[in-house]
């Protein structure tokens, strides 16, 4: 285990995170060589495979972040001990990366380490430091430069950046509200660090012939052509997603084309995603010379995860629908602007649409008396009902 507590380590997260499992640092050596460190909390050390804690986590598959409720995958005492926090010494699985000038990975190393984060910043705090570029925080500025260079390199390899706002449904004094969310530079660099960690971890597992759940994505279209065709549209990325196809998890390492990577595995959220926990366990077992899970066992875990995640996704859909119904009833506007994306089931009037006012892409029941065209804007009225989808009429 390597002691990295001397490094100035940064945590950047939301205002009230439940699970704090990632951080990063900059190390300089030989005068000018910059090494990026990415640190992931190490809950695997706290309980054994096939223990009650592990089996419960496997059956949950992930933490549930519902609109008014949080259901953790792991017990609170494990999360509390494994969480990374300011001035707390924590065990991690850490990766060091040295980059080429073009942003590609030159060298990497994955080790077991101890860290002591110096800063625990919100995205807003980090954004302010990045904007002001104070000399005393040069490490964060250099980390930003390295990660943006990596991000730009992936784009040269075919990575697609979905540069569109998101949304968050939340409860404010008992009232359901929707907030638009614009991605900031601080969020971009954290995301890039997590993608890089997944990439170098996949390289490590592949190089050591270790069975693992790889995430694969093939782009089944000419993405550049579609984005050019709809370049002035608010829904160009929504349209692109309809052509691209979905990513999937397999033990066979293949390209993740939408990330611009030759291989990729998710490993940065072991506190809230069971497959990430399994990837981390494989890495830790290799480092500490403990018996690895074989290919058949990993495939069985992937199959179970697929079933459980489908169940969790259904819980998310029901929860989202419940609060959106409350939102539209309270809003009670005469009309809402939607942009039509596509029919999902024309006979049942089920459509995929986009509400630009809320940055909300949604399946709805749509009763409309004229022919619909992709990218066409309509005004619709909410029609209160007890259906399994929200219902709108033209």
Protein backbone atom coordinates (compact mmCIF):
# COMPACT_ATOMS: atom_id res chain seq x y z
CA UNK A 1 0.00 0.00 0.00
CA UNK A 2 1.32 3.42 -0.98
CA UNK A 3 1.04 6.43 1.31
CA UNK A 4 -0.29 9.36 -0.73
CA UNK A 5 -1.45 11.45 2.22
CA UNK A 6 1.17 14.08 1.36
CA UNK A 7 -0.54 14.93 -1.95
CA UNK A 8 -2.98 17.83 -2.13
CA UNK A 9 -6.10 15.82 -2.88
CA UNK A 10 -9.43 17.28 -4.03
CA UNK A 11 -12.97 15.98 -3.64
CA UNK A 12 -15.52 17.69 -5.91
CA UNK A 13 -19.14 16.68 -5.47
CA UNK A 14 -22.70 17.94 -5.02
CA UNK A 15 -23.75 19.91 -1.92
CA UNK A 16 -25.05 17.00 0.16
CA UNK A 17 -23.59 13.76 -1.23
CA UNK A 18 -24.64 10.49 0.37
CA UNK A 19 -21.74 8.44 -1.02
CA UNK A 20 -18.37 10.13 -1.55
CA UNK A 21 -16.23 7.66 -3.44
CA UNK A 22 -13.83 9.62 -5.69
CA UNK A 23 -11.08 12.23 -5.47
CA UNK A 24 -8.00 13.28 -7.44
CA UNK A 25 -4.51 14.74 -6.99
CA UNK A 26 -1.61 16.08 -9.01
CA UNK A 27 1.96 14.88 -8.52
CA UNK A 28 4.97 16.62 -10.08
CA UNK A 29 8.31 14.88 -10.47
CA UNK A 30 11.61 15.36 -12.35
CA UNK A 31 10.84 19.05 -12.49
CA UNK A 32 8.02 19.09 -15.01
CA UNK A 33 6.38 15.67 -15.48
CA UNK A 34 2.76 15.77 -14.35
CA UNK A 35 1.09 12.68 -12.95
CA UNK A 36 -2.65 12.64 -12.36
CA UNK A 37 -3.90 10.49 -9.49
CA UNK A 38 -7.51 9.30 -9.39
CA UNK A 39 -8.65 7.77 -6.10
CA UNK A 40 -11.69 5.53 -5.52
CA UNK A 41 -12.88 4.52 -2.04
CA UNK A 42 -12.24 0.89 -1.16
CA UNK A 43 -15.27 -0.68 0.59
CA UNK A 44 -14.20 -4.17 -0.55
CA UNK A 45 -11.78 -4.28 2.37
CA UNK A 46 -14.66 -3.94 4.83
CA UNK A 47 -16.61 -7.12 4.02
CA UNK A 48 -16.08 -10.42 2.23
CA UNK A 49 -17.52 -11.70 -1.03
CA UNK A 50 -20.69 -13.74 -0.36
CA UNK A 51 -21.04 -12.30 3.14
CA UNK A 52 -24.51 -11.11 4.15
CA UNK A 53 -23.53 -7.51 3.33
CA UNK A 54 -22.29 -8.57 -0.10
CA UNK A 55 -25.37 -10.69 -0.90
CA UNK A 56 -27.71 -7.87 0.18
CA UNK A 57 -25.81 -5.42 -2.04
CA UNK A 58 -25.93 -7.87 -4.96
CA UNK A 59 -29.70 -8.22 -4.61
CA UNK A 60 -30.17 -4.43 -4.51
CA UNK A 61 -27.68 -3.99 -7.39
CA UNK A 62 -27.48 -0.23 -6.80
CA UNK A 63 -28.42 2.54 -4.42
CA UNK A 64 -31.76 4.15 -5.24
CA UNK A 65 -31.84 7.92 -5.44
CA UNK A 66 -35.57 8.55 -5.55
CA UNK A 67 -37.05 12.05 -5.59
CA UNK A 68 -37.95 12.04 -1.90
CA UNK A 69 -36.08 8.98 -0.65
CA UNK A 70 -32.57 7.49 -0.61
CA UNK A 71 -32.09 3.73 -0.29
CA UNK A 72 -28.38 2.80 -0.02
CA UNK A 73 -26.95 -0.36 -1.54
CA UNK A 74 -24.57 -0.83 1.39
CA UNK A 75 -25.22 -0.48 5.15
CA UNK A 76 -24.79 3.07 6.54
CA UNK A 77 -21.86 2.03 8.74
CA UNK A 78 -19.95 0.69 5.71
CA UNK A 79 -20.68 3.87 3.74
CA UNK A 80 -19.57 6.05 6.65
CA UNK A 81 -16.29 4.17 7.00
CA UNK A 82 -15.59 4.01 3.25
CA UNK A 83 -16.66 7.56 2.37
CA UNK A 84 -13.84 9.92 1.45
CA UNK A 85 -13.89 13.12 3.49
CA UNK A 86 -11.78 16.20 4.06
CA UNK A 87 -8.86 15.53 6.44
CA UNK A 88 -9.86 11.87 6.83
CA UNK A 89 -7.28 9.17 6.05
CA UNK A 90 -8.95 6.64 3.75
CA UNK A 91 -8.02 3.45 1.92
CA UNK A 92 -8.41 3.66 -1.86
CA UNK A 93 -7.74 1.96 -5.12
CA UNK A 94 -5.77 4.65 -6.95
CA UNK A 95 -4.58 5.05 -10.51
CA UNK A 96 -1.72 7.27 -11.63
CA UNK A 97 -1.70 8.47 -15.23
CA UNK A 98 0.98 10.22 -17.27
CA UNK A 99 -0.32 11.73 -20.50
CA UNK A 100 1.11 12.29 -23.94
CA UNK A 101 0.99 15.86 -25.24
CA UNK A 102 -2.13 15.07 -27.30
CA UNK A 103 -4.08 13.96 -24.19
CA UNK A 104 -3.77 10.21 -24.71
CA UNK A 105 -2.54 7.92 -21.91
CA UNK A 106 1.22 7.34 -21.95
CA UNK A 107 1.66 5.31 -18.75
CA UNK A 108 -0.60 4.22 -15.92
CA UNK A 109 -0.34 2.32 -12.65
CA UNK A 110 -3.07 0.97 -10.36
CA UNK A 111 -2.29 0.47 -6.68
CA UNK A 112 -3.75 0.23 -3.20
CA UNK A 113 -3.20 3.53 -1.39
CA UNK A 114 -3.98 5.79 1.56
CA UNK A 115 -5.08 9.39 0.94
CA UNK A 116 -6.03 12.40 3.06
CA UNK A 117 -8.11 14.87 1.03
CA UNK A 118 -7.29 18.51 1.77
CA UNK A 119 -10.27 20.06 0.00
CA UNK A 120 -13.90 18.94 -0.21
CA UNK A 121 -15.52 21.28 -2.73
CA UNK A 122 -18.95 21.64 -4.24
CA UNK A 123 -19.09 21.99 -8.02
CA UNK A 124 -19.81 25.69 -7.48
CA UNK A 125 -16.74 26.09 -5.23
CA UNK A 126 -14.53 24.31 -7.76
CA UNK A 127 -15.95 26.41 -10.59
CA UNK A 128 -14.97 29.59 -8.76
CA UNK A 129 -11.39 28.40 -8.24
CA UNK A 130 -11.14 27.32 -11.88
CA UNK A 131 -12.42 30.73 -13.03
CA UNK A 132 -10.12 32.76 -10.77
CA UNK A 133 -7.03 30.50 -11.18
CA UNK A 134 -5.33 31.47 -7.88
CA UNK A 135 -1.62 30.62 -7.83
CA UNK A 136 -1.90 28.82 -4.50
CA UNK A 137 -4.32 26.31 -6.09
CA UNK A 138 -2.26 25.65 -9.22
CA UNK A 139 -2.73 21.88 -8.78
CA UNK A 140 -6.46 22.09 -9.51
CA UNK A 141 -5.81 24.31 -12.52
CA UNK A 142 -3.26 21.83 -13.89
CA UNK A 143 -5.67 18.93 -13.24
CA UNK A 144 -8.32 20.82 -15.22
CA UNK A 145 -5.90 21.30 -18.15
CA UNK A 146 -4.90 17.62 -18.18
CA UNK A 147 -8.50 16.40 -18.04
CA UNK A 148 -9.77 18.81 -20.71
CA UNK A 149 -6.88 17.70 -22.94
CA UNK A 150 -7.92 14.07 -22.36
CA UNK A 151 -11.54 14.98 -23.10
CA UNK A 152 -10.53 16.65 -26.38
CA UNK A 153 -8.36 13.67 -27.35
CA UNK A 154 -11.31 11.29 -26.90
CA UNK A 155 -13.34 13.49 -29.23
CA UNK A 156 -10.68 12.97 -31.93
CA UNK A 157 -11.24 9.22 -31.40
CA UNK A 158 -14.96 9.49 -32.10
CA UNK A 159 -16.31 10.28 -28.63
CA UNK A 160 -19.69 12.03 -28.66
CA UNK A 161 -20.37 14.81 -26.21
CA UNK A 162 -24.05 15.17 -25.38
CA UNK A 163 -23.91 18.91 -24.86
CA UNK A 164 -27.45 19.44 -23.63
CA UNK A 165 -28.94 20.64 -20.32
CA UNK A 166 -30.37 18.18 -17.84
CA UNK A 167 -33.06 18.46 -15.20
CA UNK A 168 -33.74 17.59 -11.58
CA UNK A 169 -37.14 16.96 -10.02
CA UNK A 170 -37.19 17.89 -6.34
CA UNK A 171 -39.48 18.83 -3.47
CA UNK A 172 -39.34 22.44 -2.22
CA UNK A 173 -41.52 23.17 0.82
CA UNK A 174 -43.88 20.39 -0.21
CA UNK A 175 -44.12 21.60 -3.82
CA UNK A 176 -42.76 19.61 -6.77
CA UNK A 177 -40.36 21.68 -8.88
CA UNK A 178 -38.13 21.04 -11.90
CA UNK A 179 -34.72 22.69 -12.22
CA UNK A 180 -32.73 22.95 -15.44
CA UNK A 181 -29.12 21.88 -14.98
CA UNK A 182 -26.31 23.23 -17.17
CA UNK A 183 -23.08 21.22 -17.11
CA UNK A 184 -20.14 23.21 -15.71
CA UNK A 185 -16.40 22.82 -16.35
CA UNK A 186 -15.98 21.35 -12.85
CA UNK A 187 -18.56 18.66 -13.69
CA UNK A 188 -16.85 17.96 -17.01
CA UNK A 189 -13.47 17.38 -15.38
CA UNK A 190 -14.89 15.11 -12.67
CA UNK A 191 -16.72 13.11 -15.34
CA UNK A 192 -13.53 12.87 -17.41
CA UNK A 193 -11.54 11.64 -14.40
CA UNK A 194 -14.11 8.88 -13.82
CA UNK A 195 -14.06 7.88 -17.50
CA UNK A 196 -10.25 7.74 -17.41
CA UNK A 197 -10.32 5.58 -14.28
CA UNK A 198 -12.68 3.18 -16.03
CA UNK A 199 -10.44 3.12 -19.09
CA UNK A 200 -7.11 2.41 -17.34
CA UNK A 201 -8.81 -0.14 -15.08
CA UNK A 202 -10.07 -1.97 -18.17
CA UNK A 203 -6.53 -1.93 -19.61
CA UNK A 204 -5.17 -3.33 -16.33
CA UNK A 205 -7.76 -6.11 -16.12
CA UNK A 206 -7.29 -7.04 -19.79
CA UNK A 207 -3.48 -7.03 -19.53
CA UNK A 208 -3.68 -9.39 -16.55
CA UNK A 209 -6.34 -11.61 -18.16
CA UNK A 210 -8.82 -10.96 -15.34
CA UNK A 211 -12.52 -11.60 -15.94
CA UNK A 212 -14.54 -8.41 -15.59
CA UNK A 213 -17.78 -6.72 -16.68
CA UNK A 214 -16.80 -4.52 -19.64
CA UNK A 215 -19.21 -1.89 -20.93
CA UNK A 216 -19.42 -1.82 -24.73
CA UNK A 217 -21.14 0.61 -27.08
CA UNK A 218 -21.27 0.52 -30.86
CA UNK A 219 -22.51 3.60 -32.73
CA UNK A 220 -24.92 2.26 -35.35
CA UNK A 221 -25.10 5.43 -37.44
CA UNK A 222 -23.16 8.37 -38.87
CA UNK A 223 -23.32 10.56 -35.77
CA UNK A 224 -21.60 13.55 -37.41
CA UNK A 225 -24.09 13.50 -40.28
CA UNK A 226 -27.11 13.45 -37.93
CA UNK A 227 -25.73 16.23 -35.74
CA UNK A 228 -25.03 18.34 -38.83
CA UNK A 229 -28.52 17.72 -40.24
CA UNK A 230 -30.15 18.86 -37.00
CA UNK A 231 -27.45 21.31 -35.89
CA UNK A 232 -29.90 24.10 -35.06
CA UNK A 233 -32.36 21.85 -33.23
CA UNK A 234 -32.82 21.74 -29.46
CA UNK A 235 -33.29 17.96 -29.72
CA UNK A 236 -30.37 17.00 -31.99
CA UNK A 237 -28.89 14.77 -29.27
CA UNK A 238 -32.26 13.20 -28.51
CA UNK A 239 -32.60 12.35 -32.21
CA UNK A 240 -29.06 10.97 -32.30
CA UNK A 241 -29.78 8.66 -29.35
CA UNK A 242 -32.64 7.06 -31.33
CA UNK A 243 -30.13 5.90 -33.98
CA UNK A 244 -27.12 5.01 -31.83
CA UNK A 245 -28.25 1.90 -30.00
CA UNK A 246 -27.68 1.10 -26.34
CA UNK A 247 -24.53 0.16 -24.49
CA UNK A 248 -24.35 -3.28 -22.92
CA UNK A 249 -22.25 -5.21 -20.41
CA UNK A 250 -20.26 -8.29 -21.34
CA UNK A 251 -17.10 -10.12 -20.30
CA UNK A 252 -15.71 -9.61 -23.82
CA UNK A 253 -13.67 -6.40 -24.11
CA UNK A 254 -14.80 -4.35 -27.09
CA UNK A 255 -14.80 -0.70 -28.09
CA UNK A 256 -16.92 1.87 -26.33
CA UNK A 257 -17.31 4.01 -29.43
CA UNK A 258 -19.38 6.82 -27.93
CA UNK A 259 -16.60 7.37 -25.35
CA UNK A 260 -13.88 7.02 -27.99
CA UNK A 261 -12.20 4.19 -26.04
CA UNK A 262 -10.84 0.79 -27.05
CA UNK A 263 -12.06 -0.73 -23.74
CA UNK A 264 -14.05 0.49 -20.77
CA UNK A 265 -15.39 -0.70 -17.43
CA UNK A 266 -17.30 1.17 -14.75
CA UNK A 267 -15.46 1.08 -11.43
CA UNK A 268 -15.78 4.51 -9.82
CA UNK A 269 -18.93 4.00 -7.72
CA UNK A 270 -18.34 0.89 -5.58
CA UNK A 271 -20.51 2.36 -2.80
CA UNK A 272 -23.60 2.57 -4.99
CA UNK A 273 -23.24 0.14 -7.95
CA UNK A 274 -22.66 -3.56 -7.38
CA UNK A 275 -20.85 -4.21 -10.67
CA UNK A 276 -18.41 -1.40 -9.82
CA UNK A 277 -17.85 -3.15 -6.49
CA UNK A 278 -17.10 -6.41 -8.32
CA UNK A 279 -14.64 -4.71 -10.68
CA UNK A 280 -12.90 -3.18 -7.68
CA UNK A 281 -12.81 -6.55 -5.90
CA UNK A 282 -11.10 -8.13 -8.91
CA UNK A 283 -8.49 -5.34 -8.95
CA UNK A 284 -7.92 -5.55 -5.19
CA UNK A 285 -7.67 -9.35 -5.29
CA UNK A 286 -5.03 -9.13 -8.01
CA UNK A 287 -3.02 -6.54 -6.08
CA UNK A 288 -3.20 -8.55 -2.83
CA UNK A 289 -2.83 -12.02 -4.42
CA UNK A 290 -6.29 -13.25 -3.41
CA UNK A 291 -8.17 -15.73 -5.60
CA UNK A 292 -10.02 -14.02 -8.46
CA UNK A 293 -13.61 -14.60 -9.55
CA UNK A 294 -13.67 -16.74 -12.70
CA UNK A 295 -15.39 -15.95 -15.99
CA UNK A 296 -18.50 -18.04 -15.25
CA UNK A 297 -19.01 -16.35 -11.89
CA UNK A 298 -18.68 -12.88 -13.45
CA UNK A 299 -21.17 -13.81 -16.18
CA UNK A 300 -23.65 -15.01 -13.54
CA UNK A 301 -23.26 -11.72 -11.66
CA UNK A 302 -23.81 -9.72 -14.87
CA UNK A 303 -26.99 -11.71 -15.63
CA UNK A 304 -28.38 -11.08 -12.15
CA UNK A 305 -27.40 -7.40 -12.33
CA UNK A 306 -29.31 -7.05 -15.61
CA UNK A 307 -32.49 -8.37 -13.98
CA UNK A 308 -32.11 -6.29 -10.83
CA UNK A 309 -31.29 -3.10 -12.74
CA UNK A 310 -34.40 -3.57 -14.85
CA UNK A 311 -36.40 -3.76 -11.61
CA UNK A 312 -34.67 -0.63 -10.29
CA UNK A 313 -35.31 1.24 -13.54
CA UNK A 314 -38.99 0.43 -13.19
CA UNK A 315 -38.97 1.83 -9.65
CA UNK A 316 -37.38 5.03 -11.01
CA UNK A 317 -40.01 5.32 -13.74
CA UNK A 318 -42.91 4.92 -11.31
CA UNK A 319 -41.37 7.40 -8.87
CA UNK A 320 -40.72 9.97 -11.61
CA UNK A 321 -44.25 9.62 -13.01
CA UNK A 322 -45.81 10.06 -9.55
CA UNK A 323 -44.09 13.39 -8.99
CA UNK A 324 -44.48 14.63 -12.57
CA UNK A 325 -48.24 14.10 -12.26
CA UNK A 326 -48.23 16.26 -9.15
CA UNK A 327 -46.10 18.84 -10.94
CA UNK A 328 -48.36 19.19 -13.98
CA UNK A 329 -51.52 19.28 -11.84
CA UNK A 330 -50.11 22.14 -9.72
CA UNK A 331 -48.68 24.01 -12.74
CA UNK A 332 -52.01 23.79 -14.55
CA UNK A 333 -50.86 25.84 -17.55
CA UNK A 334 -53.16 26.42 -20.51
CA UNK A 335 -50.53 24.91 -22.81
CA UNK A 336 -47.02 23.44 -22.83
CA UNK A 337 -44.55 23.59 -25.69
CA UNK A 338 -43.24 20.18 -26.75
CA UNK A 339 -40.91 19.09 -29.51
CA UNK A 340 -41.93 15.79 -31.06
CA UNK A 341 -39.13 13.21 -31.29
CA UNK A 342 -40.80 9.99 -32.44
CA UNK A 343 -43.75 7.66 -32.03
CA UNK A 344 -42.98 4.72 -29.77
CA UNK A 345 -46.37 3.11 -30.42
CA UNK A 346 -48.55 4.99 -32.88
CA UNK A 347 -51.60 2.78 -32.30
CA UNK A 348 -51.52 3.42 -28.55
CA UNK A 349 -50.60 7.12 -29.04
CA UNK A 350 -47.36 6.72 -27.10
CA UNK A 351 -44.77 9.30 -28.13
CA UNK A 352 -41.32 10.42 -27.06
CA UNK A 353 -41.26 14.21 -26.74
CA UNK A 354 -39.09 16.98 -25.31
CA UNK A 355 -40.28 19.81 -23.05
CA UNK A 356 -37.72 22.60 -23.74
CA UNK A 357 -38.89 24.70 -20.80
CA UNK A 358 -37.81 21.96 -18.39
CA UNK A 359 -35.09 20.20 -20.47
CA UNK A 360 -37.28 17.13 -19.99
CA UNK A 361 -37.36 14.20 -22.42
CA UNK A 362 -40.40 12.07 -21.70
CA UNK A 363 -42.66 9.27 -22.88
CA UNK A 364 -46.28 10.51 -22.95
CA UNK A 365 -49.67 9.58 -24.32
CA UNK A 366 -50.21 12.14 -27.06
CA UNK A 367 -53.58 12.73 -28.71
CA UNK A 368 -52.98 14.91 -31.73
CA UNK A 369 -55.25 15.37 -34.73
CA UNK A 370 -52.59 16.24 -37.30
CA UNK A 371 -49.63 14.31 -38.66
CA UNK A 372 -46.55 14.57 -36.48
CA UNK A 373 -43.03 15.21 -37.68
CA UNK A 374 -39.76 14.81 -35.84
CA UNK A 375 -38.40 18.13 -34.58
CA UNK A 376 -41.77 19.88 -34.99
CA UNK A 377 -42.97 22.10 -32.13
CA UNK A 378 -46.52 21.70 -30.76
CA UNK A 379 -48.56 23.28 -28.00
CA UNK A 380 -50.38 20.71 -25.88
CA UNK A 381 -52.58 20.69 -22.79
CA UNK A 382 -52.12 18.34 -19.86
CA UNK A 383 -55.07 15.98 -19.44
CA UNK A 384 -55.29 14.61 -15.88
CA UNK A 385 -55.79 10.82 -15.90
CA UNK A 386 -54.86 7.64 -14.08
CA UNK A 387 -52.93 6.09 -16.98
CA UNK A 388 -49.45 4.67 -16.60
CA UNK A 389 -48.11 7.62 -18.66
CA UNK A 390 -48.79 11.35 -18.65
CA UNK A 391 -51.48 12.29 -21.15
CA UNK A 392 -51.53 15.41 -23.34
CA UNK A 393 -53.98 16.62 -25.97
CA UNK A 394 -53.42 19.03 -28.83
